[in-house]
Amino acid sequence: MTEIDPKTFLTAIFNAAVAAADPQRTIRDRLPAMPKGRTIVIGAGKGSAQMAAAFEKVWDGPIEGLVVTRYGYGATCQRIEIIEAAHPVPDAAGLEASRRLLEKVQGLTADDLVVALI
């Protein structure tokens, strides 16, 4: 039996874990069916902006949405609005973002799809 170099082994485990947590790969593998109606993306949390950017890249249909993340954790999105706010103590930006998140999910029908990125 050959002995495995511990550094090589641990590096391989680390690389596998990072790849498994890649938002674009993870989201692509779990996409829901395209709805008859609208697709609304909402989200909150430090990783939500990166997940929103990944979702935009892999979703073929029209989308709209809003995601709130902590200051400094934003990402560039074309169709999903990203709002940065304070955490863990809410600020005015977070309060406004929560109000707007609720607006985004008003008037939905059974034909619409809401994707929550948390």
Protein backbone atom coordinates (compact mmCIF):
# COMPACT_ATOMS: atom_id res chain seq x y z
CA MET A 1 0.00 0.00 0.00
CA THR A 2 1.34 3.44 -0.90
CA GLU A 3 1.37 6.20 1.63
CA ILE A 4 -0.49 9.39 0.71
CA ASP A 5 1.22 12.69 1.38
CA PRO A 6 -0.86 14.46 4.08
CA LYS A 7 -0.52 17.88 2.44
CA THR A 8 -1.72 16.51 -0.93
CA PHE A 9 -4.60 14.71 0.77
CA LEU A 10 -5.73 17.74 2.79
CA THR A 11 -5.40 20.05 -0.23
CA ALA A 12 -7.60 17.69 -2.27
CA ILE A 13 -10.24 17.65 0.47
CA PHE A 14 -10.17 21.45 0.72
CA ASN A 15 -10.48 21.88 -3.06
CA ALA A 16 -13.42 19.44 -3.18
CA ALA A 17 -15.21 21.34 -0.42
CA VAL A 18 -14.71 24.70 -2.13
CA ALA A 19 -15.97 23.30 -5.46
CA ALA A 20 -19.04 21.80 -3.76
CA ALA A 21 -19.90 25.21 -2.27
CA ASP A 22 -19.55 27.14 -5.55
CA PRO A 23 -22.92 28.94 -5.93
CA GLN A 24 -23.02 28.68 -9.72
CA ARG A 25 -22.43 24.93 -9.67
CA THR A 26 -24.76 24.32 -6.74
CA ILE A 27 -27.59 26.40 -8.19
CA ARG A 28 -27.23 24.94 -11.69
CA ASP A 29 -27.62 21.42 -10.29
CA ARG A 30 -30.84 22.33 -8.46
CA LEU A 31 -32.79 24.55 -10.83
CA PRO A 32 -36.57 24.22 -10.62
CA ALA A 33 -38.76 23.89 -13.70
CA MET A 34 -39.47 27.09 -15.62
CA PRO A 35 -42.81 28.53 -14.40
CA LYS A 36 -45.71 29.60 -16.57
CA GLY A 37 -45.66 32.97 -14.82
CA ARG A 38 -42.98 35.19 -13.36
CA THR A 39 -39.76 34.19 -11.61
CA ILE A 40 -39.04 36.33 -8.57
CA VAL A 41 -35.72 35.99 -6.74
CA ILE A 42 -35.48 37.21 -3.17
CA GLY A 43 -32.72 36.67 -0.65
CA ALA A 44 -30.88 37.69 2.47
CA GLY A 45 -27.51 36.96 4.00
CA LYS A 46 -23.80 37.37 3.32
CA GLY A 47 -23.78 34.83 0.47
CA SER A 48 -27.08 35.84 -1.11
CA ALA A 49 -25.63 38.39 -3.56
CA GLN A 50 -23.13 35.87 -4.95
CA MET A 51 -25.94 33.31 -5.22
CA ALA A 52 -28.08 35.88 -7.07
CA ALA A 53 -25.26 36.54 -9.54
CA ALA A 54 -24.84 32.80 -10.07
CA PHE A 55 -28.60 32.35 -10.54
CA GLU A 56 -28.65 35.06 -13.21
CA LYS A 57 -25.92 33.25 -15.14
CA VAL A 58 -27.69 29.90 -15.26
CA TRP A 59 -31.38 30.87 -15.50
CA ASP A 60 -32.57 31.00 -19.11
CA GLY A 61 -35.85 32.80 -18.54
CA PRO A 62 -36.82 36.27 -17.42
CA ILE A 63 -36.28 37.07 -13.74
CA GLU A 64 -36.64 39.96 -11.37
CA GLY A 65 -35.83 40.26 -7.73
CA LEU A 66 -34.15 41.82 -4.76
CA VAL A 67 -31.52 40.50 -2.39
CA VAL A 68 -30.23 42.14 0.79
CA THR A 69 -26.72 41.40 1.98
CA ARG A 70 -24.26 42.76 4.49
CA TYR A 71 -22.18 45.83 3.61
CA GLY A 72 -19.14 44.75 1.60
CA TYR A 73 -20.69 41.49 0.35
CA GLY A 74 -22.49 42.81 -2.75
CA ALA A 75 -22.15 41.36 -6.24
CA THR A 76 -22.87 42.66 -9.72
CA CYS A 77 -26.24 41.60 -11.07
CA GLN A 78 -28.14 42.77 -14.14
CA ARG A 79 -31.71 41.69 -13.30
CA ILE A 80 -31.69 41.18 -9.53
CA GLU A 81 -31.25 44.27 -7.38
CA ILE A 82 -28.68 43.99 -4.60
CA ILE A 83 -29.05 46.12 -1.46
CA GLU A 84 -26.35 46.24 1.19
CA ALA A 85 -27.36 46.83 4.81
CA ALA A 86 -26.06 46.49 8.35
CA HIS A 87 -25.88 43.16 10.17
CA PRO A 88 -26.47 41.96 12.85
CA VAL A 89 -28.00 45.24 14.05
CA PRO A 90 -30.47 46.46 11.38
CA ASP A 91 -30.17 49.95 9.93
CA ALA A 92 -32.43 52.11 7.75
CA ALA A 93 -31.18 50.38 4.58
CA GLY A 94 -32.12 46.98 6.01
CA LEU A 95 -35.56 48.19 7.03
CA GLU A 96 -36.18 49.60 3.55
CA ALA A 97 -34.88 46.40 1.95
CA SER A 98 -37.26 44.25 4.00
CA ARG A 99 -40.19 46.45 3.00
CA ARG A 100 -39.22 46.13 -0.66
CA LEU A 101 -38.73 42.35 -0.37
CA LEU A 102 -42.30 42.05 0.82
CA GLU A 103 -43.47 44.18 -2.11
CA LYS A 104 -41.70 41.85 -4.56
CA VAL A 105 -43.81 38.89 -3.46
CA GLN A 106 -47.17 40.67 -3.54
CA GLY A 107 -49.73 39.62 -6.14
CA LEU A 108 -48.18 36.24 -6.94
CA THR A 109 -50.23 33.50 -8.54
CA ALA A 110 -49.91 29.71 -8.64
CA ASP A 111 -48.10 30.14 -11.99
CA ASP A 112 -45.28 32.21 -10.45
CA LEU A 113 -42.03 30.91 -8.96
CA VAL A 114 -40.27 32.47 -5.97
CA VAL A 115 -36.64 31.51 -5.45
CA ALA A 116 -35.33 32.34 -1.96
CA LEU A 117 -31.54 32.62 -1.64
CA ILE A 118 -30.59 32.54 2.03
